[in-house]
Amino acid sequence: MASRWLPVLVWAGVIFAFSSIPSLSSGLGTWDYVLRKGAHMAEYAILAVLLVRATGSYVWAFALTVAYAGTDEFHQTFVRGRHGSPIDVGIDAVGALIGLGLWRRR
């Protein structure tokens, strides 16, 4: 059981740590935006895969991933230079769906 849930907790901690950084701007203009949103999708694709391994359920994995995305955006409202965005939760949800789709196909 710990071997399934420990990676979830560690990865959620990684996401939390990145969300605690005041500004992640690279100064690359439009590319910065694209890269940050791509990183969002990748982070949450990985979380969703880890959660489907832990729960055995695609529905629960998706629901827990989106719920964590919501709490992460809320957390960002308390970080100087960051803001929470419902759009980012949607981007994270798309990442989760991509991750789960790829995991299912393997």
Protein backbone atom coordinates (compact mmCIF):
# COMPACT_ATOMS: atom_id res chain seq x y z
CA MET A 1 0.00 0.00 0.00
CA ALA A 2 2.77 2.47 0.91
CA SER A 3 4.51 1.67 -2.37
CA ARG A 4 1.43 2.93 -4.22
CA TRP A 5 0.63 6.00 -2.13
CA LEU A 6 4.12 7.29 -1.31
CA PRO A 7 4.79 8.40 -4.91
CA VAL A 8 1.45 10.25 -4.91
CA LEU A 9 2.38 12.11 -1.72
CA VAL A 10 5.87 12.92 -2.95
CA TRP A 11 4.61 14.21 -6.30
CA ALA A 12 1.86 16.28 -4.62
CA GLY A 13 4.63 17.77 -2.48
CA VAL A 14 6.65 18.64 -5.58
CA ILE A 15 3.62 20.42 -7.07
CA PHE A 16 3.06 22.25 -3.78
CA ALA A 17 6.71 23.33 -3.69
CA PHE A 18 6.58 24.73 -7.23
CA SER A 19 3.36 26.56 -6.36
CA SER A 20 5.12 28.19 -3.42
CA ILE A 21 7.67 29.93 -5.64
CA PRO A 22 6.65 33.60 -5.98
CA SER A 23 7.32 33.96 -9.71
CA LEU A 24 8.21 31.33 -12.28
CA SER A 25 8.41 33.67 -15.27
CA SER A 26 11.24 32.89 -17.67
CA GLY A 27 10.95 36.21 -19.50
CA LEU A 28 10.29 34.47 -22.81
CA GLY A 29 7.00 36.27 -23.50
CA THR A 30 4.45 34.07 -25.24
CA TRP A 31 6.74 31.05 -24.99
CA ASP A 32 6.81 31.49 -21.22
CA TYR A 33 3.03 31.17 -21.12
CA VAL A 34 3.02 28.10 -23.37
CA LEU A 35 5.80 26.42 -21.40
CA ARG A 36 4.15 27.08 -18.02
CA LYS A 37 0.78 25.71 -19.19
CA GLY A 38 2.51 22.69 -20.70
CA ALA A 39 4.25 22.14 -17.38
CA HIS A 40 0.86 22.32 -15.64
CA MET A 41 -0.49 19.60 -17.90
CA ALA A 42 2.57 17.40 -17.45
CA GLU A 43 2.53 17.77 -13.64
CA TYR A 44 -1.09 16.76 -13.42
CA ALA A 45 -0.78 14.00 -16.03
CA ILE A 46 1.85 12.42 -13.78
CA LEU A 47 -0.28 12.93 -10.66
CA ALA A 48 -3.28 11.30 -12.36
CA VAL A 49 -1.22 8.27 -13.40
CA LEU A 50 0.16 7.91 -9.88
CA LEU A 51 -3.37 8.15 -8.50
CA VAL A 52 -4.80 5.54 -10.87
CA ARG A 53 -2.00 3.21 -9.74
CA ALA A 54 -2.87 3.93 -6.10
CA THR A 55 -6.66 3.77 -6.35
CA GLY A 56 -7.19 1.35 -9.23
CA SER A 57 -9.94 3.66 -10.51
CA TYR A 58 -9.77 6.09 -13.41
CA VAL A 59 -12.77 8.00 -12.08
CA TRP A 60 -11.27 8.44 -8.60
CA ALA A 61 -7.87 9.29 -10.06
CA PHE A 62 -9.38 12.02 -12.23
CA ALA A 63 -11.58 13.39 -9.44
CA LEU A 64 -8.73 13.49 -6.91
CA THR A 65 -6.38 15.10 -9.44
CA VAL A 66 -8.86 17.86 -10.26
CA ALA A 67 -9.60 18.37 -6.56
CA TYR A 68 -5.89 18.73 -5.85
CA ALA A 69 -5.58 21.17 -8.75
CA GLY A 70 -8.32 23.28 -7.11
CA THR A 71 -6.55 23.28 -3.76
CA ASP A 72 -3.27 24.13 -5.48
CA GLU A 73 -4.80 27.16 -7.18
CA PHE A 74 -6.28 28.24 -3.84
CA HIS A 75 -2.84 27.84 -2.25
CA GLN A 76 -1.37 30.12 -4.93
CA THR A 77 -3.69 32.96 -3.84
CA PHE A 78 -1.55 33.18 -0.68
CA VAL A 79 1.80 33.29 -2.54
CA ARG A 80 3.16 36.73 -3.39
CA GLY A 81 3.34 37.20 -7.16
CA ARG A 82 0.98 34.30 -7.87
CA HIS A 83 -2.78 34.03 -8.29
CA GLY A 84 -5.27 31.21 -8.42
CA SER A 85 -7.07 30.60 -11.67
CA PRO A 86 -10.05 28.39 -12.53
CA ILE A 87 -8.62 28.26 -16.06
CA ASP A 88 -5.49 26.60 -14.67
CA VAL A 89 -7.67 23.98 -12.97
CA GLY A 90 -9.16 23.27 -16.40
CA ILE A 91 -5.69 23.01 -17.93
CA ASP A 92 -4.68 20.66 -15.13
CA ALA A 93 -7.80 18.56 -15.80
CA VAL A 94 -6.85 18.28 -19.47
CA GLY A 95 -3.39 17.15 -18.39
CA ALA A 96 -4.98 14.54 -16.12
CA LEU A 97 -7.11 13.24 -18.98
CA ILE A 98 -4.08 13.01 -21.25
CA GLY A 99 -2.10 11.16 -18.59
CA LEU A 100 -4.94 8.74 -17.91
CA GLY A 101 -5.50 8.18 -21.63
CA LEU A 102 -1.84 7.39 -22.19
CA TRP A 103 -1.78 5.10 -19.15
CA ARG A 104 -4.83 3.21 -20.41
CA ARG A 105 -3.26 2.71 -23.85
CA ARG A 106 -0.01 1.25 -22.50
